[in-house]
Protein backbone atom coordinates (compact mmCIF):
# COMPACT_ATOMS: atom_id res chain seq x y z
CA MET A 1 49.51 -25.81 -49.46
CA SER A 2 50.95 -27.51 -46.40
CA GLY A 3 51.77 -25.47 -43.34
CA PRO A 4 55.26 -24.70 -42.08
CA THR A 5 57.12 -27.29 -40.02
CA LYS A 6 59.61 -26.80 -37.22
CA GLU A 7 62.26 -28.46 -39.37
CA GLY A 8 61.63 -26.06 -42.24
CA ILE A 9 61.66 -23.06 -39.92
CA LEU A 10 64.95 -24.12 -38.33
CA ALA A 11 66.42 -24.66 -41.79
CA ALA A 12 65.44 -21.11 -42.77
CA LEU A 13 66.90 -19.73 -39.55
CA SER A 14 70.14 -21.64 -40.22
CA ALA A 15 70.76 -19.19 -43.05
CA ILE A 16 70.97 -16.31 -40.56
CA ALA A 17 74.51 -15.80 -39.29
CA ASP A 18 75.61 -14.08 -36.09
CA PRO A 19 79.04 -12.64 -36.97
CA SER A 20 80.07 -12.40 -33.32
CA LYS A 21 79.75 -16.17 -32.94
CA GLY A 22 81.15 -17.15 -36.33
CA THR A 23 78.20 -19.43 -37.02
CA ASP A 24 74.46 -19.36 -37.69
CA ILE A 25 71.91 -18.65 -34.98
CA VAL A 26 70.61 -22.23 -34.88
CA SER A 27 74.04 -23.85 -34.51
CA ALA A 28 74.87 -21.26 -31.85
CA GLY A 29 71.89 -22.43 -29.81
CA MET A 30 70.22 -19.02 -29.89
CA VAL A 31 66.77 -20.22 -31.05
CA SER A 32 64.41 -21.34 -28.30
CA GLY A 33 60.71 -21.64 -27.52
CA LEU A 34 59.71 -22.40 -31.13
CA VAL A 35 55.91 -22.67 -31.43
CA VAL A 36 54.08 -23.42 -34.71
CA ARG A 37 50.30 -23.43 -34.94
CA ASN A 38 48.25 -23.15 -38.14
CA GLY A 39 50.77 -20.90 -39.84
CA ALA A 40 51.49 -18.74 -36.79
CA VAL A 41 55.13 -18.96 -35.68
CA GLY A 42 56.75 -17.71 -32.48
CA PHE A 43 60.29 -18.11 -31.16
CA ALA A 44 62.94 -16.40 -29.05
CA LEU A 45 66.56 -15.56 -29.74
CA GLU A 46 68.66 -15.90 -26.58
CA VAL A 47 71.37 -13.25 -26.61
CA ASP A 48 73.93 -11.57 -24.39
CA PRO A 49 72.08 -8.85 -22.41
CA ALA A 50 74.77 -6.32 -23.32
CA ARG A 51 74.13 -6.85 -27.04
CA GLY A 52 70.33 -6.70 -26.94
CA ALA A 53 69.81 -3.37 -28.70
CA ALA A 54 72.52 -4.04 -31.30
CA LEU A 55 70.91 -7.34 -32.32
CA GLU A 56 67.56 -5.91 -33.37
CA PRO A 57 68.57 -6.22 -37.09
CA LEU A 58 69.37 -9.90 -36.47
CA ARG A 59 65.92 -10.43 -34.93
CA LYS A 60 64.26 -8.73 -37.89
CA ALA A 61 66.27 -10.81 -40.36
CA ALA A 62 65.17 -13.99 -38.57
CA GLU A 63 61.52 -12.88 -38.69
CA ASP A 64 61.78 -12.05 -42.40
CA ALA A 65 63.39 -15.41 -43.20
CA VAL A 66 60.54 -17.31 -41.54
CA ARG A 67 57.84 -15.04 -42.98
CA ALA A 68 59.07 -15.91 -46.49
CA LEU A 69 58.23 -19.60 -46.00
CA ASP A 70 55.12 -21.02 -47.64
CA GLY A 71 52.15 -21.24 -45.30
CA VAL A 72 53.46 -18.80 -42.68
CA THR A 73 50.78 -16.26 -41.81
CA SER A 74 52.42 -14.44 -38.91
CA VAL A 75 55.76 -14.42 -37.08
CA THR A 76 56.67 -13.28 -33.57
CA ALA A 77 60.39 -13.24 -32.76
CA VAL A 78 61.73 -11.64 -29.60
CA LEU A 79 65.14 -11.17 -28.05
CA THR A 80 65.52 -12.69 -24.62
CA ALA A 81 68.50 -12.67 -22.31
CA HIS A 82 69.56 -14.39 -19.15
CA SER A 83 72.73 -14.42 -17.14
CA ASP A 84 74.58 -17.60 -16.28
CA GLN A 85 77.16 -15.81 -14.14
CA PRO A 86 77.24 -17.30 -10.65
CA GLY A 87 76.48 -15.09 -7.71
CA THR A 88 74.77 -12.28 -9.60
CA ALA A 89 71.80 -12.37 -7.24
CA SER A 90 73.86 -12.82 -4.06
CA PRO A 91 75.65 -10.30 -1.83
CA ALA A 92 79.42 -10.02 -2.15
CA PRO A 93 81.37 -12.32 0.21
CA ALA A 94 82.54 -9.36 2.29
CA ALA A 95 78.99 -8.08 2.69
CA ALA A 96 77.77 -11.54 3.62
CA ALA A 97 80.51 -11.91 6.19
CA ALA A 98 79.65 -8.52 7.69
CA ALA A 99 75.99 -9.37 8.12
CA PRO A 100 74.97 -10.29 11.67
CA LYS A 101 74.08 -13.90 12.36
CA GLY A 102 70.43 -14.58 11.67
CA THR A 103 70.03 -11.62 9.26
CA PRO A 104 67.86 -12.58 6.28
CA PRO A 105 69.73 -12.58 2.94
CA ASP A 106 69.37 -9.52 0.72
CA LEU A 107 67.51 -10.77 -2.34
CA GLY A 108 67.81 -7.49 -4.18
CA LEU A 109 64.13 -6.58 -3.78
CA ALA A 110 63.39 -2.91 -4.33
CA LYS A 111 62.11 -1.14 -1.25
CA GLN A 112 59.08 0.33 -2.93
CA GLY A 113 56.99 1.37 0.04
CA ASP A 114 53.60 2.68 -1.00
CA LYS A 115 54.81 4.51 -4.11
CA PRO A 116 54.25 3.39 -7.72
CA ILE A 117 56.93 1.13 -9.15
CA PRO A 118 59.66 3.44 -10.53
CA THR A 119 59.80 2.01 -14.04
CA SER A 120 59.10 3.63 -17.39
CA LYS A 121 55.52 3.77 -18.59
CA ASP A 122 54.18 4.16 -22.13
CA THR A 123 50.48 4.16 -21.45
CA GLY A 124 49.11 5.42 -24.73
CA PRO A 125 45.50 4.55 -25.51
CA ILE A 126 44.54 1.82 -27.97
CA ASP A 127 42.69 3.08 -31.02
CA GLY A 128 38.95 2.52 -30.78
CA ILE A 129 38.91 1.32 -27.16
CA ASP A 130 37.32 3.72 -24.66
CA ARG A 131 38.00 1.80 -21.43
CA ILE A 132 40.24 -1.06 -20.33
CA VAL A 133 39.33 -3.05 -17.22
CA ALA A 134 41.67 -5.68 -15.78
CA VAL A 135 40.13 -8.63 -13.93
CA ALA A 136 42.72 -10.09 -11.59
CA SER A 137 43.30 -12.39 -8.65
CA GLY A 138 46.22 -13.04 -6.39
CA LYS A 139 45.94 -16.82 -6.85
CA GLY A 140 44.51 -19.32 -9.28
CA GLY A 141 41.33 -21.31 -8.86
CA VAL A 142 39.10 -18.50 -7.59
CA GLY A 143 36.96 -18.32 -10.75
CA LYS A 144 38.47 -15.18 -12.25
CA SER A 145 38.03 -16.32 -15.87
CA THR A 146 34.44 -17.39 -15.21
CA VAL A 147 33.72 -13.98 -13.73
CA SER A 148 35.46 -12.23 -16.66
CA ALA A 149 33.40 -14.10 -19.25
CA ASN A 150 30.07 -13.52 -17.53
CA LEU A 151 30.81 -9.83 -16.86
CA ALA A 152 31.73 -9.32 -20.52
CA LEU A 153 28.48 -10.94 -21.65
CA ALA A 154 26.45 -9.02 -19.07
CA MET A 155 27.90 -5.72 -20.27
CA ALA A 156 27.18 -6.67 -23.89
CA ALA A 157 23.59 -7.54 -22.93
CA GLN A 158 23.27 -4.01 -21.52
CA GLY A 159 24.17 -2.48 -24.85
CA LYS A 160 27.90 -1.98 -24.48
CA ARG A 161 30.42 -2.85 -27.21
CA VAL A 162 32.66 -5.28 -25.37
CA GLY A 163 35.94 -7.01 -26.07
CA LEU A 164 37.55 -9.76 -23.99
CA LEU A 165 41.30 -10.33 -24.04
CA ASP A 166 42.41 -13.62 -22.53
CA ALA A 167 45.82 -12.54 -21.24
CA ASP A 168 46.53 -15.81 -19.43
CA VAL A 169 48.99 -16.93 -22.09
CA TYR A 170 50.08 -20.05 -20.21
CA GLY A 171 46.56 -21.20 -19.33
CA PRO A 172 44.02 -19.67 -21.74
CA SER A 173 40.43 -20.69 -20.99
CA GLN A 174 38.19 -18.16 -22.75
CA PRO A 175 37.96 -20.07 -26.07
CA ARG A 176 36.34 -22.96 -24.22
CA MET A 177 34.17 -20.78 -21.99
CA LEU A 178 32.84 -18.63 -24.82
CA GLY A 179 32.42 -21.53 -27.23
CA VAL A 180 34.78 -20.00 -29.79
CA SER A 181 36.97 -22.17 -31.99
CA GLY A 182 39.06 -21.60 -35.07
CA ARG A 183 41.97 -19.33 -35.68
CA PRO A 184 42.07 -15.54 -36.12
CA SER A 185 42.98 -14.50 -39.66
CA THR A 186 45.35 -11.78 -40.79
CA PRO A 187 44.98 -9.75 -43.98
CA ASP A 188 48.58 -8.52 -44.12
CA GLY A 189 50.67 -10.67 -41.78
CA LYS A 190 50.61 -7.94 -39.13
CA THR A 191 47.01 -7.11 -38.25
CA ILE A 192 45.07 -9.85 -36.43
CA LEU A 193 41.32 -10.22 -36.92
CA PRO A 194 39.78 -11.49 -33.66
CA LEU A 195 36.87 -13.88 -33.26
CA ARG A 196 33.43 -13.08 -31.93
CA ASN A 197 30.58 -14.81 -30.11
CA TYR A 198 27.53 -13.74 -28.08
CA GLY A 199 28.19 -10.14 -29.12
CA VAL A 200 31.69 -10.08 -27.58
CA THR A 201 34.94 -9.71 -29.54
CA VAL A 202 37.52 -12.21 -28.25
CA MET A 203 41.27 -12.70 -28.56
CA SER A 204 43.25 -15.46 -26.84
CA MET A 205 46.51 -17.33 -27.20
CA GLY A 206 44.28 -20.40 -26.98
CA PHE A 207 43.22 -19.77 -30.60
CA MET A 208 46.80 -20.43 -31.70
CA LEU A 209 47.23 -23.72 -29.81
CA GLN A 210 45.70 -27.13 -29.36
CA GLU A 211 43.88 -27.39 -26.02
CA ASP A 212 46.56 -29.71 -24.62
CA GLN A 213 49.52 -27.81 -26.09
CA SER A 214 51.70 -25.86 -23.67
CA VAL A 215 53.39 -22.51 -24.14
CA VAL A 216 56.99 -22.71 -22.92
CA TRP A 217 58.18 -19.11 -23.09
CA ARG A 218 60.36 -16.84 -21.04
CA GLY A 219 59.13 -13.44 -19.91
CA PRO A 220 60.17 -11.39 -22.97
CA MET A 221 58.17 -13.61 -25.34
CA LEU A 222 55.21 -13.42 -23.00
CA MET A 223 55.36 -9.63 -22.94
CA SER A 224 55.73 -9.42 -26.71
CA ALA A 225 52.70 -11.66 -27.23
CA LEU A 226 50.60 -9.54 -24.90
CA GLN A 227 51.54 -6.34 -26.69
CA GLN A 228 50.68 -7.90 -30.04
CA MET A 229 47.28 -9.03 -28.75
CA LEU A 230 46.65 -5.52 -27.45
CA ARG A 231 47.86 -3.39 -30.33
CA GLN A 232 47.91 -5.56 -33.45
CA VAL A 233 44.40 -6.95 -33.02
CA GLN A 234 41.72 -5.12 -34.98
CA TRP A 235 39.41 -4.65 -32.02
CA GLY A 236 37.15 -2.17 -33.77
CA LYS A 237 35.18 0.36 -31.72
CA LEU A 238 34.75 -0.85 -28.12
CA ASP A 239 33.21 0.78 -25.08
CA VAL A 240 35.21 -1.51 -22.82
CA LEU A 241 37.92 -4.15 -23.17
CA ILE A 242 38.00 -6.64 -20.32
CA VAL A 243 41.42 -8.20 -19.78
CA ASP A 244 41.34 -11.59 -18.07
CA LEU A 245 44.74 -11.64 -16.34
CA PRO A 246 46.67 -14.70 -15.16
CA PRO A 247 46.97 -15.29 -11.41
CA GLY A 248 49.68 -13.54 -9.47
CA THR A 249 51.67 -10.32 -9.81
CA GLY A 250 54.08 -10.92 -12.66
CA ASP A 251 55.14 -10.02 -16.19
CA VAL A 252 51.68 -9.81 -17.77
CA GLN A 253 50.27 -7.48 -15.11
CA LEU A 254 53.35 -5.27 -15.26
CA THR A 255 53.38 -5.11 -19.06
CA LEU A 256 49.69 -4.34 -19.32
CA SER A 257 49.90 -1.52 -16.79
CA GLN A 258 53.02 0.01 -18.32
CA LYS A 259 52.21 -0.33 -22.00
CA THR A 260 48.65 0.95 -22.07
CA ARG A 261 46.24 2.95 -19.98
CA VAL A 262 44.25 0.70 -17.66
CA ASP A 263 41.14 2.47 -16.38
CA GLY A 264 40.68 0.17 -13.42
CA ALA A 265 41.09 -3.28 -11.91
CA VAL A 266 38.58 -5.70 -10.44
CA ILE A 267 39.88 -8.20 -7.88
CA VAL A 268 38.20 -11.62 -7.63
CA SER A 269 38.64 -13.69 -4.48
CA THR A 270 36.95 -16.46 -2.59
CA PRO A 271 36.13 -15.76 1.09
CA GLN A 272 38.81 -18.04 2.50
CA ASP A 273 41.82 -16.54 4.26
CA VAL A 274 44.44 -18.00 1.89
CA ALA A 275 42.75 -16.48 -1.17
CA LEU A 276 42.34 -13.15 0.58
CA LEU A 277 46.03 -13.04 1.47
CA ASP A 278 46.89 -13.28 -2.22
CA ALA A 279 44.11 -10.88 -3.18
CA LYS A 280 45.77 -8.29 -0.93
CA LYS A 281 48.99 -8.77 -2.90
CA ALA A 282 47.13 -8.09 -6.15
CA ILE A 283 45.61 -4.94 -4.64
CA ASP A 284 49.04 -3.80 -3.48
CA MET A 285 50.44 -4.46 -6.96
CA PHE A 286 47.86 -2.26 -8.69
CA SER A 287 48.48 0.46 -6.11
CA LYS A 288 52.20 0.39 -6.96
CA LEU A 289 51.36 0.43 -10.69
CA ASP A 290 49.05 3.43 -10.19
CA VAL A 291 46.01 1.56 -11.53
CA PRO A 292 42.66 2.54 -9.92
CA LEU A 293 40.87 -0.23 -8.04
CA LEU A 294 37.24 -0.53 -9.15
CA GLY A 295 36.38 -3.01 -6.43
CA MET A 296 36.33 -6.59 -5.17
CA ILE A 297 34.07 -9.53 -6.02
CA GLU A 298 33.57 -12.46 -3.65
CA ASN A 299 33.19 -15.60 -5.77
CA MET A 300 32.01 -18.98 -4.42
CA SER A 301 30.51 -16.95 -1.59
CA THR A 302 27.85 -19.43 -0.49
CA TYR A 303 26.37 -22.76 -1.54
CA VAL A 304 22.64 -23.49 -1.49
CA CYS A 305 21.68 -27.16 -1.67
CA PRO A 306 19.30 -27.66 -4.65
CA ASN A 307 17.41 -30.40 -2.74
CA CYS A 308 16.86 -28.99 0.73
CA SER A 309 17.78 -25.29 0.23
CA HIS A 310 20.27 -25.44 3.09
CA GLU A 311 22.88 -22.71 2.77
CA ALA A 312 26.50 -23.64 3.51
CA HIS A 313 29.56 -21.42 3.56
CA ILE A 314 32.10 -23.90 2.24
CA PHE A 315 34.91 -21.37 1.83
CA GLY A 316 33.71 -19.04 4.57
CA HIS A 317 31.60 -15.98 3.91
CA GLY A 318 32.01 -12.23 3.83
CA GLY A 319 35.81 -12.18 3.83
CA ALA A 320 36.13 -10.20 0.62
CA LYS A 321 33.47 -7.71 1.70
CA ALA A 322 35.19 -7.18 5.04
CA GLU A 323 38.55 -6.72 3.33
CA ALA A 324 37.08 -4.23 0.85
CA GLU A 325 35.61 -2.23 3.74
CA ARG A 326 38.92 -2.31 5.59
CA LEU A 327 40.77 -1.04 2.52
CA GLY A 328 38.13 1.51 1.65
CA VAL A 329 37.45 0.10 -1.83
CA PRO A 330 34.06 -0.72 -3.35
CA PHE A 331 32.59 -4.17 -2.78
CA LEU A 332 30.96 -5.12 -6.07
CA GLY A 333 29.00 -8.18 -5.00
CA GLU A 334 28.86 -11.88 -4.18
CA ILE A 335 28.68 -14.79 -6.63
CA PRO A 336 27.48 -18.12 -5.21
CA LEU A 337 29.12 -21.50 -5.67
CA ASP A 338 26.70 -23.00 -8.16
CA ILE A 339 26.99 -26.00 -10.45
CA ASP A 340 25.21 -24.22 -13.31
CA ILE A 341 27.92 -21.56 -13.41
CA ARG A 342 30.51 -24.29 -13.83
CA LEU A 343 28.55 -26.40 -16.32
CA THR A 344 27.60 -23.51 -18.58
CA GLY A 345 31.18 -22.23 -18.65
CA ASP A 346 32.58 -25.66 -19.48
CA GLY A 347 29.89 -26.02 -22.14
CA GLY A 348 30.82 -22.82 -23.96
CA ALA A 349 27.64 -20.88 -23.12
CA PRO A 350 28.15 -18.96 -19.86
CA LEU A 351 25.26 -18.56 -17.47
CA VAL A 352 24.45 -14.98 -18.47
CA VAL A 353 23.50 -16.11 -22.00
CA SER A 354 22.34 -19.69 -21.38
CA LYS A 355 20.23 -19.04 -18.26
CA PRO A 356 19.65 -15.28 -18.25
CA LYS A 357 16.65 -15.45 -15.89
CA SER A 358 18.50 -17.32 -13.15
CA PRO A 359 19.31 -15.56 -9.84
CA GLN A 360 23.00 -16.19 -10.46
CA ALA A 361 22.88 -14.44 -13.86
CA ALA A 362 21.13 -11.53 -12.16
CA ARG A 363 24.13 -11.19 -9.81
CA PHE A 364 26.50 -10.84 -12.76
CA ARG A 365 24.22 -8.27 -14.42
CA GLU A 366 24.05 -6.23 -11.21
CA ILE A 367 27.83 -6.17 -10.90
CA ALA A 368 28.20 -5.30 -14.59
CA ALA A 369 25.70 -2.45 -14.26
CA GLY A 370 27.64 -1.07 -11.29
CA LEU A 371 30.91 -1.21 -13.23
CA ILE A 372 29.33 0.52 -16.23
CA GLU A 373 28.07 3.30 -13.97
CA THR A 374 31.49 3.71 -12.38
CA LEU A 375 33.32 3.76 -15.72
CA ASP A 376 30.87 6.23 -17.24
CA ALA A 377 31.48 8.61 -14.33
CA VAL A 378 35.27 8.59 -14.77
CA PRO A 379 36.63 11.25 -17.16
CA ALA A 380 38.13 9.77 -20.34
């Protein structure tokens, strides 16, 4: 049985009419972001923001039409909306004229101060998962995914039942790092059965895509995918689920914090000032989202030459520790800049499992042990 094609999916969606437009949803240009991978289908329906709630039956009809096609194993359809009206993000002409010369424009940013973001939260627990820990960074390239993978494996080696959710939908890397390939199966078209390696249960958008295939989605599709990976995956019984977040302070972080209970966040940064500036933004974000900060990790902290044993601080040294002390948050430890950490991650067997007796692996185990102790001390 051949898998579904984009042409076949669009043909099926052409049978779904939007009465308000007098035509079908494909001809009306409502279908966007269509992704097809091994039977898994995802797409968005672009609608008028004012009609969002009323068009839920249309979204369901579109999902059902695609699900009925041969070879389709799962369907994700979301409603997304954007405004093309000019000036919606600008002050009114009179207000602009009244502003003194040199006054910065009002970009509509909420003045949040130090309080949590005033948005609705639905932080119910996920069945079978005792603790959720977010691993985050303010910027990319600081080794957050490498740290996430090694911490997950270190916790598993210490007897914990561990899951790892690769929430970086646009740039998933955990399938490569954990040496996991293939596609999660589904027994009923709704429940997703995750993959597993080295004693860790893993779910990633990377399982649904080719390594060089991009995900071109707007925020609502991103948020829907994250919620599906959280709540429709059959995680089983876990002591801790580590969520490898994308860089920055955007949709994924907000959705995770508002749609489930996050027991704490770990911030990964290099020692350099630029990375620390962005790490502070991530810390501020979790404070606004009312997520406890478990501590900071300084990655790429120092480099020791394998030939002469000279130690060099390529990105500086001690910046994350000093920042943690200034903020009054725990400093979890330093991870050196080491070629074995990079090679083992790229090779699909992270350092903790491939070279468990190395000093670098010992660092990860020490940090993992500290996190386990902290989590065990926090009331459920």
